[in-house]
Amino acid sequence: MNIIESGIKDTNIYLTLSNNWVTIRNKTKQKLDPKFLGPYKILYYGPFYTYKLTDAKNNILKILVNHNRLQQANVENELTVKQWTKGVGRQEKVQKEVQKEVIPDGG
């Protein structure tokens, strides 16, 4: 039975299998931000075409992500996967610089 015969219009059938790697479309994209975040690994398929994901360091995302925001990622070796984007690291660096400016020296 193919997709047309079954009446399924969703073309993301490959996402229903767990342990696939995907990227998430960035909805809050601003200037110079990446279009996609990830890669993330699918843990399980939830209700209403949603997915529970983990990042490369096995940190589980707190939210369920709709299938419309997902795109398949090509990961060759699962043991050496790193985050492809630097969104969180950049924010932490800015916060550390602000803290250094605010804290006065004791001398």
Protein backbone atom coordinates (compact mmCIF):
# COMPACT_ATOMS: atom_id res chain seq x y z
CA MET A 1 0.00 0.00 0.00
CA ASN A 2 1.50 3.37 -0.95
CA ILE A 3 0.86 6.82 0.48
CA ILE A 4 -1.92 7.70 -1.97
CA GLU A 5 -3.86 4.47 -1.36
CA SER A 6 -3.66 4.82 2.42
CA GLY A 7 -4.97 8.40 2.33
CA ILE A 8 -2.03 9.75 4.33
CA LYS A 9 -1.05 13.25 3.19
CA ASP A 10 1.89 13.59 5.57
CA THR A 11 5.14 13.16 3.62
CA ASN A 12 7.22 12.95 6.83
CA ILE A 13 6.58 9.24 7.31
CA TYR A 14 10.28 8.61 7.93
CA LEU A 15 10.02 10.67 11.12
CA THR A 16 7.72 8.16 12.80
CA LEU A 17 10.64 5.84 13.46
CA SER A 18 12.61 6.56 16.62
CA ASN A 19 16.37 7.13 16.59
CA ASN A 20 16.26 9.30 13.45
CA TRP A 21 18.19 12.59 13.42
CA VAL A 22 16.33 15.79 12.52
CA THR A 23 16.78 19.56 12.56
CA ILE A 24 14.19 22.05 13.85
CA ARG A 25 13.15 25.11 11.85
CA ASN A 26 13.88 28.22 13.91
CA LYS A 27 10.61 30.17 14.27
CA THR A 28 12.17 33.02 16.25
CA LYS A 29 14.92 33.65 13.71
CA GLN A 30 16.49 37.08 13.81
CA LYS A 31 19.24 38.63 11.77
CA LEU A 32 22.27 36.30 11.39
CA ASP A 33 20.56 33.45 13.25
CA PRO A 34 20.50 30.01 11.61
CA LYS A 35 17.34 28.77 9.87
CA PHE A 36 17.59 25.33 11.45
CA LEU A 37 18.66 24.20 14.92
CA GLY A 38 20.06 20.82 15.71
CA PRO A 39 20.65 18.01 15.09
CA TYR A 40 18.21 16.31 17.44
CA LYS A 41 17.37 12.64 17.84
CA ILE A 42 13.75 11.46 17.92
CA LEU A 43 12.86 9.67 21.15
CA TYR A 44 9.24 8.90 20.42
CA TYR A 45 6.22 9.93 18.42
CA GLY A 46 3.58 11.77 20.48
CA PRO A 47 -0.03 12.78 19.88
CA PHE A 48 -1.09 15.17 17.10
CA TYR A 49 2.05 14.65 14.95
CA THR A 50 4.42 15.78 17.69
CA TYR A 51 7.83 14.40 18.58
CA LYS A 52 9.92 14.22 21.75
CA LEU A 53 13.57 15.01 20.97
CA THR A 54 17.02 14.89 22.56
CA ASP A 55 20.10 16.84 21.53
CA ALA A 56 23.55 15.44 20.80
CA LYS A 57 24.46 15.45 24.51
CA ASN A 58 21.31 13.41 25.38
CA ASN A 59 19.55 16.39 27.01
CA ILE A 60 15.80 15.89 26.54
CA LEU A 61 13.88 18.90 25.18
CA LYS A 62 11.09 20.02 27.50
CA ILE A 63 8.63 20.61 24.65
CA LEU A 64 7.04 18.47 21.99
CA VAL A 65 7.83 19.63 18.44
CA ASN A 66 5.30 19.52 15.59
CA HIS A 67 6.28 17.59 12.46
CA ASN A 68 5.93 20.73 10.30
CA ARG A 69 9.05 22.20 11.93
CA LEU A 70 11.23 19.11 11.43
CA GLN A 71 13.56 18.24 8.59
CA GLN A 72 15.65 15.09 8.27
CA ALA A 73 19.35 15.52 9.14
CA ASN A 74 22.15 13.48 7.61
CA VAL A 75 24.29 12.14 10.43
CA GLU A 76 27.03 9.71 9.43
CA ASN A 77 28.44 8.72 12.81
CA GLU A 78 26.21 8.97 15.87
CA LEU A 79 29.15 8.78 18.29
CA THR A 80 30.78 12.02 17.09
CA VAL A 81 27.68 14.21 16.67
CA LYS A 82 27.99 17.81 17.91
CA GLN A 83 25.52 20.68 17.81
CA TRP A 84 25.58 22.39 14.42
CA THR A 85 24.47 25.77 15.77
CA LYS A 86 25.89 28.01 18.48
CA GLY A 87 22.79 29.76 19.82
CA VAL A 88 23.14 28.88 23.51
CA GLY A 89 26.90 29.34 23.73
CA ARG A 90 26.71 32.86 22.33
CA GLN A 91 24.08 33.87 24.90
CA GLU A 92 26.17 32.47 27.78
CA LYS A 93 29.24 34.39 26.58
CA VAL A 94 27.32 37.68 26.50
CA GLN A 95 25.94 37.04 30.01
CA LYS A 96 29.45 36.39 31.38
CA GLU A 97 30.75 39.63 29.85
CA VAL A 98 27.87 41.59 31.38
CA GLN A 99 28.55 40.04 34.80
CA LYS A 100 32.23 41.01 34.59
CA GLU A 101 31.27 44.63 33.89
CA VAL A 102 28.75 44.78 36.75
CA ILE A 103 30.91 43.17 39.47
CA PRO A 104 33.37 45.76 40.85
CA ASP A 105 36.92 44.73 41.80
CA GLY A 106 37.60 44.27 45.50
CA GLY A 107 40.99 46.06 45.30
